[in-house]
PDB file of N, CA and C in Angstrom:
ATOM      1  N   MET A   1     100.152  60.665  36.252  1.00  0.00           N
ATOM      2  CA  MET A   1      99.856  61.646  37.180  1.00  0.00           C
ATOM      3  C   MET A   1     100.552  61.429  38.397  1.00  0.00           C
ATOM      4  N   LYS A   2     102.146  62.007  38.563  1.00  0.00           N
ATOM      5  CA  LYS A   2     102.466  61.882  39.580  1.00  0.00           C
ATOM      6  C   LYS A   2     102.503  62.071  40.993  1.00  0.00           C
ATOM      7  N   LYS A   3     102.710  61.081  41.476  1.00  0.00           N
ATOM      8  CA  LYS A   3     101.927  61.036  43.698  1.00  0.00           C
ATOM      9  C   LYS A   3     101.783  62.324  43.612  1.00  0.00           C
ATOM     10  N   LYS A   4     103.448  62.994  43.917  1.00  0.00           N
ATOM     11  CA  LYS A   4     103.400  64.383  44.455  1.00  0.00           C
ATOM     12  C   LYS A   4     102.494  65.430  44.149  1.00  0.00           C
ATOM     13  N   TYR A   5     101.910  65.332  43.231  1.00  0.00           N
ATOM     14  CA  TYR A   5     101.392  66.755  42.538  1.00  0.00           C
ATOM     15  C   TYR A   5      99.839  66.100  42.454  1.00  0.00           C
ATOM     16  N   ARG A   6      99.070  64.631  43.751  1.00  0.00           N
ATOM     17  CA  ARG A   6      98.210  64.593  44.005  1.00  0.00           C
ATOM     18  C   ARG A   6      97.970  65.067  45.690  1.00  0.00           C
ATOM     19  N   VAL A   7      96.460  65.610  45.956  1.00  0.00           N
ATOM     20  CA  VAL A   7      96.221  66.315  47.008  1.00  0.00           C
ATOM     21  C   VAL A   7      95.600  64.624  47.798  1.00  0.00           C
ATOM     22  N   LYS A   8      96.033  63.923  48.886  1.00  0.00           N
ATOM     23  CA  LYS A   8      96.089  62.748  49.674  1.00  0.00           C
ATOM     24  C   LYS A   8      94.839  62.142  50.410  1.00  0.00           C
ATOM     25  N   LYS A   9      95.632  63.464  51.539  1.00  0.00           N
ATOM     26  CA  LYS A   9      95.115  63.650  52.579  1.00  0.00           C
ATOM     27  C   LYS A   9      93.558  64.178  53.038  1.00  0.00           C
ATOM     28  N   ASN A  10      92.879  63.767  53.560  1.00  0.00           N
ATOM     29  CA  ASN A  10      91.679  64.241  53.801  1.00  0.00           C
ATOM     30  C   ASN A  10      91.960  65.426  54.895  1.00  0.00           C
ATOM     31  N   GLU A  11      92.591  65.774  55.112  1.00  0.00           N
ATOM     32  CA  GLU A  11      93.284  67.146  55.854  1.00  0.00           C
ATOM     33  C   GLU A  11      93.260  68.384  54.942  1.00  0.00           C
ATOM     34  N   GLU A  12      93.846  67.756  54.092  1.00  0.00           N
ATOM     35  CA  GLU A  12      94.533  68.482  52.583  1.00  0.00           C
ATOM     36  C   GLU A  12      92.845  69.092  51.944  1.00  0.00           C
ATOM     37  N   PHE A  13      92.059  67.822  51.295  1.00  0.00           N
ATOM     38  CA  PHE A  13      91.052  68.082  51.186  1.00  0.00           C
ATOM     39  C   PHE A  13      89.762  68.922  52.527  1.00  0.00           C
ATOM     40  N   GLN A  14      89.905  69.102  53.513  1.00  0.00           N
ATOM     41  CA  GLN A  14      88.895  69.833  53.864  1.00  0.00           C
ATOM     42  C   GLN A  14      89.286  71.004  53.615  1.00  0.00           C
ATOM     43  N   GLN A  15      90.849  71.215  53.708  1.00  0.00           N
ATOM     44  CA  GLN A  15      91.121  72.937  53.942  1.00  0.00           C
ATOM     45  C   GLN A  15      90.605  73.303  52.578  1.00  0.00           C
ATOM     46  N   ILE A  16      90.751  72.235  51.767  1.00  0.00           N
ATOM     47  CA  ILE A  16      90.310  73.272  50.084  1.00  0.00           C
ATOM     48  C   ILE A  16      88.679  73.509  49.891  1.00  0.00           C
ATOM     49  N   PHE A  17      88.425  72.610  50.708  1.00  0.00           N
ATOM     50  CA  PHE A  17      86.611  72.831  50.778  1.00  0.00           C
ATOM     51  C   PHE A  17      86.729  74.333  51.565  1.00  0.00           C
ATOM     52  N   LYS A  18      86.574  74.227  52.846  1.00  0.00           N
ATOM     53  CA  LYS A  18      86.736  75.017  53.912  1.00  0.00           C
ATOM     54  C   LYS A  18      87.037  76.769  53.158  1.00  0.00           C
ATOM     55  N   GLN A  19      88.473  76.531  52.913  1.00  0.00           N
ATOM     56  CA  GLN A  19      89.252  78.151  52.029  1.00  0.00           C
ATOM     57  C   GLN A  19      89.392  77.953  51.164  1.00  0.00           C
ATOM     58  N   GLY A  20      88.603  77.386  50.258  1.00  0.00           N
ATOM     59  CA  GLY A  20      88.623  77.193  48.712  1.00  0.00           C
ATOM     60  C   GLY A  20      87.672  77.829  48.550  1.00  0.00           C
ATOM     61  N   GLU A  21      87.533  78.429  46.852  1.00  0.00           N
ATOM     62  CA  GLU A  21      85.701  78.540  45.804  1.00  0.00           C
ATOM     63  C   GLU A  21      85.680  78.247  45.196  1.00  0.00           C
ATOM     64  N   SER A  22      84.592  78.172  44.834  1.00  0.00           N
ATOM     65  CA  SER A  22      84.316  76.676  44.011  1.00  0.00           C
ATOM     66  C   SER A  22      83.664  77.254  42.969  1.00  0.00           C
ATOM     67  N   PHE A  23      84.125  76.750  41.847  1.00  0.00           N
ATOM     68  CA  PHE A  23      82.841  76.636  40.104  1.00  0.00           C
ATOM     69  C   PHE A  23      82.043  75.289  39.902  1.00  0.00           C
ATOM     70  N   ALA A  24      81.479  75.567  38.778  1.00  0.00           N
ATOM     71  CA  ALA A  24      80.366  74.398  38.952  1.00  0.00           C
ATOM     72  C   ALA A  24      79.879  74.427  37.105  1.00  0.00           C
ATOM     73  N   ASN A  25      79.473  73.364  36.623  1.00  0.00           N
ATOM     74  CA  ASN A  25      78.777  73.124  35.726  1.00  0.00           C
ATOM     75  C   ASN A  25      78.431  71.883  35.802  1.00  0.00           C
ATOM     76  N   LYS A  26      77.544  71.211  34.846  1.00  0.00           N
ATOM     77  CA  LYS A  26      76.437  69.868  35.130  1.00  0.00           C
ATOM     78  C   LYS A  26      77.101  68.430  35.066  1.00  0.00           C
ATOM     79  N   GLN A  27      78.222  68.640  34.975  1.00  0.00           N
ATOM     80  CA  GLN A  27      79.433  67.181  35.038  1.00  0.00           C
ATOM     81  C   GLN A  27      80.417  67.805  36.343  1.00  0.00           C
ATOM     82  N   LEU A  28      80.743  68.318  36.671  1.00  0.00           N
ATOM     83  CA  LEU A  28      82.018  68.550  37.601  1.00  0.00           C
ATOM     84  C   LEU A  28      82.199  70.049  38.207  1.00  0.00           C
ATOM     85  N   VAL A  29      82.040  69.419  39.571  1.00  0.00           N
ATOM     86  CA  VAL A  29      82.424  71.131  40.469  1.00  0.00           C
ATOM     87  C   VAL A  29      84.016  70.497  40.756  1.00  0.00           C
ATOM     88  N   ILE A  30      84.816  72.429  40.970  1.00  0.00           N
ATOM     89  CA  ILE A  30      86.072  72.691  41.103  1.00  0.00           C
ATOM     90  C   ILE A  30      86.249  73.434  42.635  1.00  0.00           C
ATOM     91  N   TYR A  31      86.842  73.111  42.991  1.00  0.00           N
ATOM     92  CA  TYR A  31      87.338  73.520  44.465  1.00  0.00           C
ATOM     93  C   TYR A  31      89.102  74.068  44.683  1.00  0.00           C
ATOM     94  N   TYR A  32      89.359  75.375  44.671  1.00  0.00           N
ATOM     95  CA  TYR A  32      90.652  75.123  44.217  1.00  0.00           C
ATOM     96  C   TYR A  32      91.020  76.311  45.453  1.00  0.00           C
ATOM     97  N   VAL A  33      92.618  76.458  45.836  1.00  0.00           N
ATOM     98  CA  VAL A  33      93.017  77.182  47.166  1.00  0.00           C
ATOM     99  C   VAL A  33      94.765  77.672  46.049  1.00  0.00           C
ATOM    100  N   MET A  34      94.910  78.598  45.979  1.00  0.00           N
ATOM    101  CA  MET A  34      96.376  79.479  45.717  1.00  0.00           C
ATOM    102  C   MET A  34      96.817  79.273  46.568  1.00  0.00           C
ATOM    103  N   LYS A  35      98.303  78.638  45.823  1.00  0.00           N
ATOM    104  CA  LYS A  35      99.046  78.369  46.929  1.00  0.00           C
ATOM    105  C   LYS A  35     100.357  79.131  46.691  1.00  0.00           C
ATOM    106  N   LYS A  36     101.143  79.841  47.585  1.00  0.00           N
ATOM    107  CA  LYS A  36     103.071  80.160  46.627  1.00  0.00           C
ATOM    108  C   LYS A  36     103.582  79.512  47.017  1.00  0.00           C
ATOM    109  N   ASP A  37     105.341  79.739  46.345  1.00  0.00           N
ATOM    110  CA  ASP A  37     106.152  79.173  45.928  1.00  0.00           C
ATOM    111  C   ASP A  37     106.020  77.354  45.947  1.00  0.00           C
ATOM    112  N   GLN A  38     104.849  77.718  45.135  1.00  0.00           N
ATOM    113  CA  GLN A  38     104.217  75.587  44.821  1.00  0.00           C
ATOM    114  C   GLN A  38     104.683  75.416  43.596  1.00  0.00           C
ATOM    115  N   GLN A  39     105.883  74.657  42.626  1.00  0.00           N
ATOM    116  CA  GLN A  39     106.302  74.431  41.417  1.00  0.00           C
ATOM    117  C   GLN A  39     105.131  73.783  40.630  1.00  0.00           C
ATOM    118  N   HIS A  40     104.168  72.877  41.003  1.00  0.00           N
ATOM    119  CA  HIS A  40     103.531  72.370  40.289  1.00  0.00           C
ATOM    120  C   HIS A  40     102.096  72.306  40.996  1.00  0.00           C
ATOM    121  N   PHE A  41     101.069  72.455  40.475  1.00  0.00           N
ATOM    122  CA  PHE A  41      99.934  72.042  40.920  1.00  0.00           C
ATOM    123  C   PHE A  41      99.722  70.898  40.981  1.00  0.00           C
ATOM    124  N   ARG A  42      98.734  70.443  42.468  1.00  0.00           N
ATOM    125  CA  ARG A  42      98.439  69.378  42.944  1.00  0.00           C
ATOM    126  C   ARG A  42      96.259  69.466  42.723  1.00  0.00           C
ATOM    127  N   VAL A  43      96.315  68.223  42.669  1.00  0.00           N
ATOM    128  CA  VAL A  43      95.032  67.767  42.171  1.00  0.00           C
ATOM    129  C   VAL A  43      94.187  66.888  43.468  1.00  0.00           C
ATOM    130  N   GLY A  44      93.542  66.812  43.424  1.00  0.00           N
ATOM    131  CA  GLY A  44      92.117  65.358  44.348  1.00  0.00           C
ATOM    132  C   GLY A  44      91.317  65.413  43.605  1.00  0.00           C
ATOM    133  N   ILE A  45      90.689  64.240  43.257  1.00  0.00           N
ATOM    134  CA  ILE A  45      89.888  63.883  42.426  1.00  0.00           C
ATOM    135  C   ILE A  45      88.693  62.323  43.654  1.00  0.00           C
ATOM    136  N   SER A  46      87.202  63.683  43.255  1.00  0.00           N
ATOM    137  CA  SER A  46      86.454  62.682  44.313  1.00  0.00           C
ATOM    138  C   SER A  46      85.643  61.875  43.053  1.00  0.00           C
ATOM    139  N   VAL A  47      84.728  61.049  43.782  1.00  0.00           N
ATOM    140  CA  VAL A  47      84.053  60.341  42.781  1.00  0.00           C
ATOM    141  C   VAL A  47      83.016  59.455  43.908  1.00  0.00           C
ATOM    142  N   GLY A  48      82.156  59.657  43.832  1.00  0.00           N
ATOM    143  CA  GLY A  48      81.067  59.514  45.256  1.00  0.00           C
ATOM    144  C   GLY A  48      80.779  57.501  44.830  1.00  0.00           C
ATOM    145  N   LYS A  49      79.539  57.203  45.781  1.00  0.00           N
ATOM    146  CA  LYS A  49      79.673  55.734  45.334  1.00  0.00           C
ATOM    147  C   LYS A  49      77.758  55.904  44.291  1.00  0.00           C
ATOM    148  N   LYS A  50      77.356  57.218  45.025  1.00  0.00           N
ATOM    149  CA  LYS A  50      76.219  57.110  44.299  1.00  0.00           C
ATOM    150  C   LYS A  50      76.762  57.286  42.288  1.00  0.00           C
ATOM    151  N   LEU A  51      77.618  57.088  41.963  1.00  0.00           N
ATOM    152  CA  LEU A  51      77.495  57.410  40.824  1.00  0.00           C
ATOM    153  C   LEU A  51      77.737  56.110  40.057  1.00  0.00           C
ATOM    154  N   GLY A  52      78.306  55.195  40.489  1.00  0.00           N
ATOM    155  CA  GLY A  52      78.478  53.897  40.078  1.00  0.00           C
ATOM    156  C   GLY A  52      79.106  53.073  40.875  1.00  0.00           C
ATOM    157  N   ASN A  53      79.199  51.574  40.076  1.00  0.00           N
ATOM    158  CA  ASN A  53      80.283  50.544  41.018  1.00  0.00           C
ATOM    159  C   ASN A  53      81.695  50.933  40.825  1.00  0.00           C
ATOM    160  N   ALA A  54      82.550  50.570  41.044  1.00  0.00           N
ATOM    161  CA  ALA A  54      84.109  50.751  41.167  1.00  0.00           C
ATOM    162  C   ALA A  54      84.287  50.870  39.754  1.00  0.00           C
ATOM    163  N   VAL A  55      84.181  50.151  39.106  1.00  0.00           N
ATOM    164  CA  VAL A  55      84.595  49.795  37.711  1.00  0.00           C
ATOM    165  C   VAL A  55      83.942  51.489  37.446  1.00  0.00           C
ATOM    166  N   MET A  56      83.044  51.675  37.132  1.00  0.00           N
ATOM    167  CA  MET A  56      82.778  52.867  36.795  1.00  0.00           C
ATOM    168  C   MET A  56      83.106  54.804  37.388  1.00  0.00           C
ATOM    169  N   ARG A  57      83.334  53.952  38.608  1.00  0.00           N
ATOM    170  CA  ARG A  57      84.051  55.144  39.435  1.00  0.00           C
ATOM    171  C   ARG A  57      85.493  55.366  39.359  1.00  0.00           C
ATOM    172  N   ASN A  58      86.374  54.474  38.658  1.00  0.00           N
ATOM    173  CA  ASN A  58      87.228  54.586  38.326  1.00  0.00           C
ATOM    174  C   ASN A  58      87.899  54.805  37.654  1.00  0.00           C
ATOM    175  N   LYS A  59      86.898  54.602  35.694  1.00  0.00           N
ATOM    176  CA  LYS A  59      86.856  55.143  34.703  1.00  0.00           C
ATOM    177  C   LYS A  59      87.082  56.870  34.764  1.00  0.00           C
ATOM    178  N   ILE A  60      85.640  56.793  35.573  1.00  0.00           N
ATOM    179  CA  ILE A  60      85.842  58.552  35.853  1.00  0.00           C
ATOM    180  C   ILE A  60      87.021  59.137  35.672  1.00  0.00           C
ATOM    181  N   LYS A  61      87.480  58.677  36.958  1.00  0.00           N
ATOM    182  CA  LYS A  61      88.677  59.522  37.663  1.00  0.00           C
ATOM    183  C   LYS A  61      89.920  59.088  36.425  1.00  0.00           C
ATOM    184  N   ARG A  62      90.113  58.290  36.166  1.00  0.00           N
ATOM    185  CA  ARG A  62      91.125  57.543  34.389  1.00  0.00           C
ATOM    186  C   ARG A  62      90.848  58.909  33.557  1.00  0.00           C
ATOM    187  N   TYR A  63      89.880  59.208  33.307  1.00  0.00           N
ATOM    188  CA  TYR A  63      89.072  60.596  32.173  1.00  0.00           C
ATOM    189  C   TYR A  63      89.969  61.561  32.884  1.00  0.00           C
ATOM    190  N   ILE A  64      89.678  61.887  34.426  1.00  0.00           N
ATOM    191  CA  ILE A  64      89.870  63.270  34.727  1.00  0.00           C
ATOM    192  C   ILE A  64      91.594  63.587  34.654  1.00  0.00           C
ATOM    193  N   ARG A  65      91.861  62.444  34.938  1.00  0.00           N
ATOM    194  CA  ARG A  65      93.592  62.575  35.449  1.00  0.00           C
ATOM    195  C   ARG A  65      93.906  62.415  33.768  1.00  0.00           C
ATOM    196  N   GLU A  66      93.620  61.811  32.839  1.00  0.00           N
ATOM    197  CA  GLU A  66      94.019  62.008  31.247  1.00  0.00           C
ATOM    198  C   GLU A  66      93.629  63.949  30.518  1.00  0.00           C
ATOM    199  N   SER A  67      92.303  64.440  31.461  1.00  0.00           N
ATOM    200  CA  SER A  67      92.237  65.383  30.506  1.00  0.00           C
ATOM    201  C   SER A  67      93.279  66.304  31.037  1.00  0.00           C
ATOM    202  N   LEU A  68      93.447  65.950  32.571  1.00  0.00           N
ATOM    203  CA  LEU A  68      94.516  66.791  33.341  1.00  0.00           C
ATOM    204  C   LEU A  68      95.473  66.794  32.895  1.00  0.00           C
ATOM    205  N   ARG A  69      96.119  65.666  32.551  1.00  0.00           N
ATOM    206  CA  ARG A  69      97.237  65.522  31.488  1.00  0.00           C
ATOM    207  C   ARG A  69      97.994  66.179  30.487  1.00  0.00           C
ATOM    208  N   GLN A  70      96.363  66.059  29.781  1.00  0.00           N
ATOM    209  CA  GLN A  70      96.550  67.221  28.186  1.00  0.00           C
ATOM    210  C   GLN A  70      96.692  68.757  28.533  1.00  0.00           C
ATOM    211  N   LEU A  71      95.974  69.023  29.770  1.00  0.00           N
ATOM    212  CA  LEU A  71      95.454  70.534  29.905  1.00  0.00           C
ATOM    213  C   LEU A  71      96.707  70.809  30.996  1.00  0.00           C
ATOM    214  N   GLU A  72      97.847  70.130  31.392  1.00  0.00           N
ATOM    215  CA  GLU A  72      98.601  70.830  32.169  1.00  0.00           C
ATOM    216  C   GLU A  72      99.689  71.887  31.890  1.00  0.00           C
ATOM    217  N   PRO A  73     100.131  72.006  30.407  1.00  0.00           N
ATOM    218  CA  PRO A  73     100.959  72.923  30.386  1.00  0.00           C
ATOM    219  C   PRO A  73     100.085  74.435  30.382  1.00  0.00           C
ATOM    220  N   HIS A  74      98.470  74.581  29.880  1.00  0.00           N
ATOM    221  CA  HIS A  74      97.840  75.234  30.670  1.00  0.00           C
ATOM    222  C   HIS A  74      97.417  75.937  31.390  1.00  0.00           C
ATOM    223  N   ILE A  75      97.847  75.297  32.342  1.00  0.00           N
ATOM    224  CA  ILE A  75      97.009  74.801  34.314  1.00  0.00           C
ATOM    225  C   ILE A  75      97.999  75.942  34.873  1.00  0.00           C
ATOM    226  N   GLN A  76      97.363  76.685  35.514  1.00  0.00           N
ATOM    227  CA  GLN A  76      98.440  77.476  36.605  1.00  0.00           C
ATOM    228  C   GLN A  76      99.301  76.591  37.832  1.00  0.00           C
ATOM    229  N   PRO A  77     100.550  77.238  37.857  1.00  0.00           N
ATOM    230  CA  PRO A  77     101.173  75.963  39.096  1.00  0.00           C
ATOM    231  C   PRO A  77     100.570  76.158  40.518  1.00  0.00           C
ATOM    232  N   ASP A  78     100.249  77.138  40.632  1.00  0.00           N
ATOM    233  CA  ASP A  78     100.635  78.140  42.152  1.00  0.00           C
ATOM    234  C   ASP A  78      99.109  77.479  42.578  1.00  0.00           C
ATOM    235  N   VAL A  79      98.421  76.571  42.981  1.00  0.00           N
ATOM    236  CA  VAL A  79      97.035  76.376  42.970  1.00  0.00           C
ATOM    237  C   VAL A  79      96.936  74.651  43.242  1.00  0.00           C
ATOM    238  N   ASP A  80      96.373  74.240  44.522  1.00  0.00           N
ATOM    239  CA  ASP A  80      95.628  73.078  44.922  1.00  0.00           C
ATOM    240  C   ASP A  80      94.020  73.281  44.233  1.00  0.00           C
ATOM    241  N   PHE A  81      93.875  71.923  43.659  1.00  0.00           N
ATOM    242  CA  PHE A  81      91.900  72.011  43.642  1.00  0.00           C
ATOM    243  C   PHE A  81      91.493  70.552  43.577  1.00  0.00           C
ATOM    244  N   VAL A  82      90.600  70.339  44.201  1.00  0.00           N
ATOM    245  CA  VAL A  82      89.662  68.838  44.304  1.00  0.00           C
ATOM    246  C   VAL A  82      88.434  68.839  42.871  1.00  0.00           C
ATOM    247  N   ILE A  83      88.550  68.132  42.664  1.00  0.00           N
ATOM    248  CA  ILE A  83      87.398  67.625  41.233  1.00  0.00           C
ATOM    249  C   ILE A  83      86.383  67.001  41.769  1.00  0.00           C
ATOM    250  N   ILE A  84      84.704  67.409  41.752  1.00  0.00           N
ATOM    251  CA  ILE A  84      83.925  66.380  42.190  1.00  0.00           C
ATOM    252  C   ILE A  84      83.109  65.859  41.248  1.00  0.00           C
ATOM    253  N   ALA A  85      82.845  64.511  40.529  1.00  0.00           N
ATOM    254  CA  ALA A  85      82.351  64.111  39.552  1.00  0.00           C
ATOM    255  C   ALA A  85      80.709  64.340  39.691  1.00  0.00           C
ATOM    256  N   ARG A  86      79.996  64.835  38.893  1.00  0.00           N
ATOM    257  CA  ARG A  86      78.417  64.499  39.235  1.00  0.00           C
ATOM    258  C   ARG A  86      78.116  63.357  38.136  1.00  0.00           C
ATOM    259  N   LYS A  87      76.779  62.877  38.713  1.00  0.00           N
ATOM    260  CA  LYS A  87      76.046  61.964  37.838  1.00  0.00           C
ATOM    261  C   LYS A  87      75.700  62.200  35.890  1.00  0.00           C
ATOM    262  N   PRO A  88      75.932  63.463  35.172  1.00  0.00           N
ATOM    263  CA  PRO A  88      76.218  63.058  34.075  1.00  0.00           C
ATOM    264  C   PRO A  88      77.940  62.491  33.251  1.00  0.00           C
ATOM    265  N   ALA A  89      78.935  62.644  34.413  1.00  0.00           N
ATOM    266  CA  ALA A  89      79.610  62.263  33.980  1.00  0.00           C
ATOM    267  C   ALA A  89      80.073  61.133  33.768  1.00  0.00           C
ATOM    268  N   THR A  90      78.918  59.877  34.207  1.00  0.00           N
ATOM    269  CA  THR A  90      79.089  58.695  34.214  1.00  0.00           C
ATOM    270  C   THR A  90      79.301  58.311  32.538  1.00  0.00           C
ATOM    271  N   SER A  91      78.166  58.964  31.916  1.00  0.00           N
ATOM    272  CA  SER A  91      77.852  58.920  30.197  1.00  0.00           C
ATOM    273  C   SER A  91      78.941  59.466  29.317  1.00  0.00           C
ATOM    274  N   MET A  92      79.985  60.210  30.047  1.00  0.00           N
ATOM    275  CA  MET A  92      80.425  61.034  28.928  1.00  0.00           C
ATOM    276  C   MET A  92      81.976  59.867  28.978  1.00  0.00           C
ATOM    277  N   ASN A  93      82.593  60.165  27.994  1.00  0.00           N
ATOM    278  CA  ASN A  93      84.006  60.043  27.041  1.00  0.00           C
ATOM    279  C   ASN A  93      85.152  60.879  27.524  1.00  0.00           C
ATOM    280  N   VAL A  94      86.240  60.297  27.164  1.00  0.00           N
ATOM    281  CA  VAL A  94      87.330  61.271  27.631  1.00  0.00           C
ATOM    282  C   VAL A  94      87.338  62.585  27.201  1.00  0.00           C
ATOM    283  N   GLU A  95      87.367  62.777  25.866  1.00  0.00           N
ATOM    284  CA  GLU A  95      87.364  64.525  25.298  1.00  0.00           C
ATOM    285  C   GLU A  95      86.048  65.207  25.899  1.00  0.00           C
ATOM    286  N   GLU A  96      84.638  64.485  26.340  1.00  0.00           N
ATOM    287  CA  GLU A  96      84.038  65.477  26.548  1.00  0.00           C
ATOM    288  C   GLU A  96      84.348  65.501  28.073  1.00  0.00           C
ATOM    289  N   VAL A  97      84.797  64.373  28.500  1.00  0.00           N
ATOM    290  CA  VAL A  97      85.805  65.495  30.181  1.00  0.00           C
ATOM    291  C   VAL A  97      86.823  66.290  30.456  1.00  0.00           C
ATOM    292  N   LYS A  98      87.279  66.454  29.145  1.00  0.00           N
ATOM    293  CA  LYS A  98      88.288  67.221  28.996  1.00  0.00           C
ATOM    294  C   LYS A  98      87.384  68.397  28.577  1.00  0.00           C
ATOM    295  N   ILE A  99      86.817  68.831  27.790  1.00  0.00           N
ATOM    296  CA  ILE A  99      86.260  70.304  27.370  1.00  0.00           C
ATOM    297  C   ILE A  99      84.973  70.540  28.321  1.00  0.00           C
ATOM    298  N   SER A 100      84.804  69.995  29.182  1.00  0.00           N
ATOM    299  CA  SER A 100      84.050  70.406  30.598  1.00  0.00           C
ATOM    300  C   SER A 100      84.846  70.821  31.760  1.00  0.00           C
ATOM    301  N   LEU A 101      86.096  69.731  32.133  1.00  0.00           N
ATOM    302  CA  LEU A 101      87.276  70.339  32.893  1.00  0.00           C
ATOM    303  C   LEU A 101      87.579  71.938  32.191  1.00  0.00           C
ATOM    304  N   LYS A 102      87.948  71.821  30.999  1.00  0.00           N
ATOM    305  CA  LYS A 102      88.597  73.184  30.574  1.00  0.00           C
ATOM    306  C   LYS A 102      87.255  74.040  30.543  1.00  0.00           C
ATOM    307  N   HIS A 103      85.956  73.908  30.407  1.00  0.00           N
ATOM    308  CA  HIS A 103      85.309  75.156  30.282  1.00  0.00           C
ATOM    309  C   HIS A 103      85.621  75.824  32.265  1.00  0.00           C
ATOM    310  N   LEU A 104      85.980  75.070  32.951  1.00  0.00           N
ATOM    311  CA  LEU A 104      85.760  75.410  34.209  1.00  0.00           C
ATOM    312  C   LEU A 104      86.963  75.910  35.067  1.00  0.00           C
ATOM    313  N   LEU A 105      88.359  75.147  34.320  1.00  0.00           N
ATOM    314  CA  LEU A 105      89.398  75.801  34.471  1.00  0.00           C
ATOM    315  C   LEU A 105      89.330  77.534  34.251  1.00  0.00           C
ATOM    316  N   LYS A 106      89.116  77.618  32.504  1.00  0.00           N
ATOM    317  CA  LYS A 106      88.323  78.902  32.175  1.00  0.00           C
ATOM    318  C   LYS A 106      87.629  80.017  33.209  1.00  0.00           C
ATOM    319  N   ARG A 107      86.630  79.137  33.984  1.00  0.00           N
ATOM    320  CA  ARG A 107      85.964  80.493  34.542  1.00  0.00           C
ATOM    321  C   ARG A 107      86.756  80.694  36.220  1.00  0.00           C
ATOM    322  N   THR A 108      87.434  79.694  36.811  1.00  0.00           N
ATOM    323  CA  THR A 108      88.357  79.791  37.651  1.00  0.00           C
ATOM    324  C   THR A 108      88.999  80.573  37.110  1.00  0.00           C
ATOM    325  N   GLY A 109      89.630  80.459  36.242  1.00  0.00           N
ATOM    326  CA  GLY A 109      91.014  81.581  35.913  1.00  0.00           C
ATOM    327  C   GLY A 109      92.149  80.675  35.796  1.00  0.00           C
ATOM    328  N   LEU A 110      92.352  79.934  35.924  1.00  0.00           N
ATOM    329  CA  LEU A 110      93.497  78.885  36.245  1.00  0.00           C
ATOM    330  C   LEU A 110      94.256  78.303  34.470  1.00  0.00           C
ATOM    331  N   TYR A 111      93.367  78.178  33.828  1.00  0.00           N
ATOM    332  CA  TYR A 111      93.532  78.795  32.785  1.00  0.00           C
ATOM    333  C   TYR A 111      94.395  79.088  32.198  1.00  0.00           C
ATOM    334  N   ARG A 112      95.460  79.227  31.286  1.00  0.00           N
ATOM    335  CA  ARG A 112      96.695  80.165  31.008  1.00  0.00           C
ATOM    336  C   ARG A 112      96.506  79.862  29.452  1.00  0.00           C
ATOM    337  N   GLN A 113      96.661  80.813  28.333  1.00  0.00           N
ATOM    338  CA  GLN A 113      96.758  80.308  27.049  1.00  0.00           C
ATOM    339  C   GLN A 113      98.045  80.252  26.848  1.00  0.00           C
TER     340      GLN A 113
END
């Protein structure tokens, strides 16, 4: 995922948390804000220290980024969102993360067929 498609700054994360809507399932939480005149969605990923050591946290982030890459053509372009991993995500493989993420995107209305 290119850097220009990532939410990196703390102020941007806080804005999405305060102004955005959220949906959750057992594995992931998604906060999102609609943006106008944006050519591509932007995403921030948060994995807390309670979920494991750095190796485990980075593995979860890689799985989420790969799932987003595969789902990219179906995700609405004019949105910024933050994905937060929960404890059950530590025992998932990339396909299970993709299914969980797709479920959340459909619930939020950000997933297009």
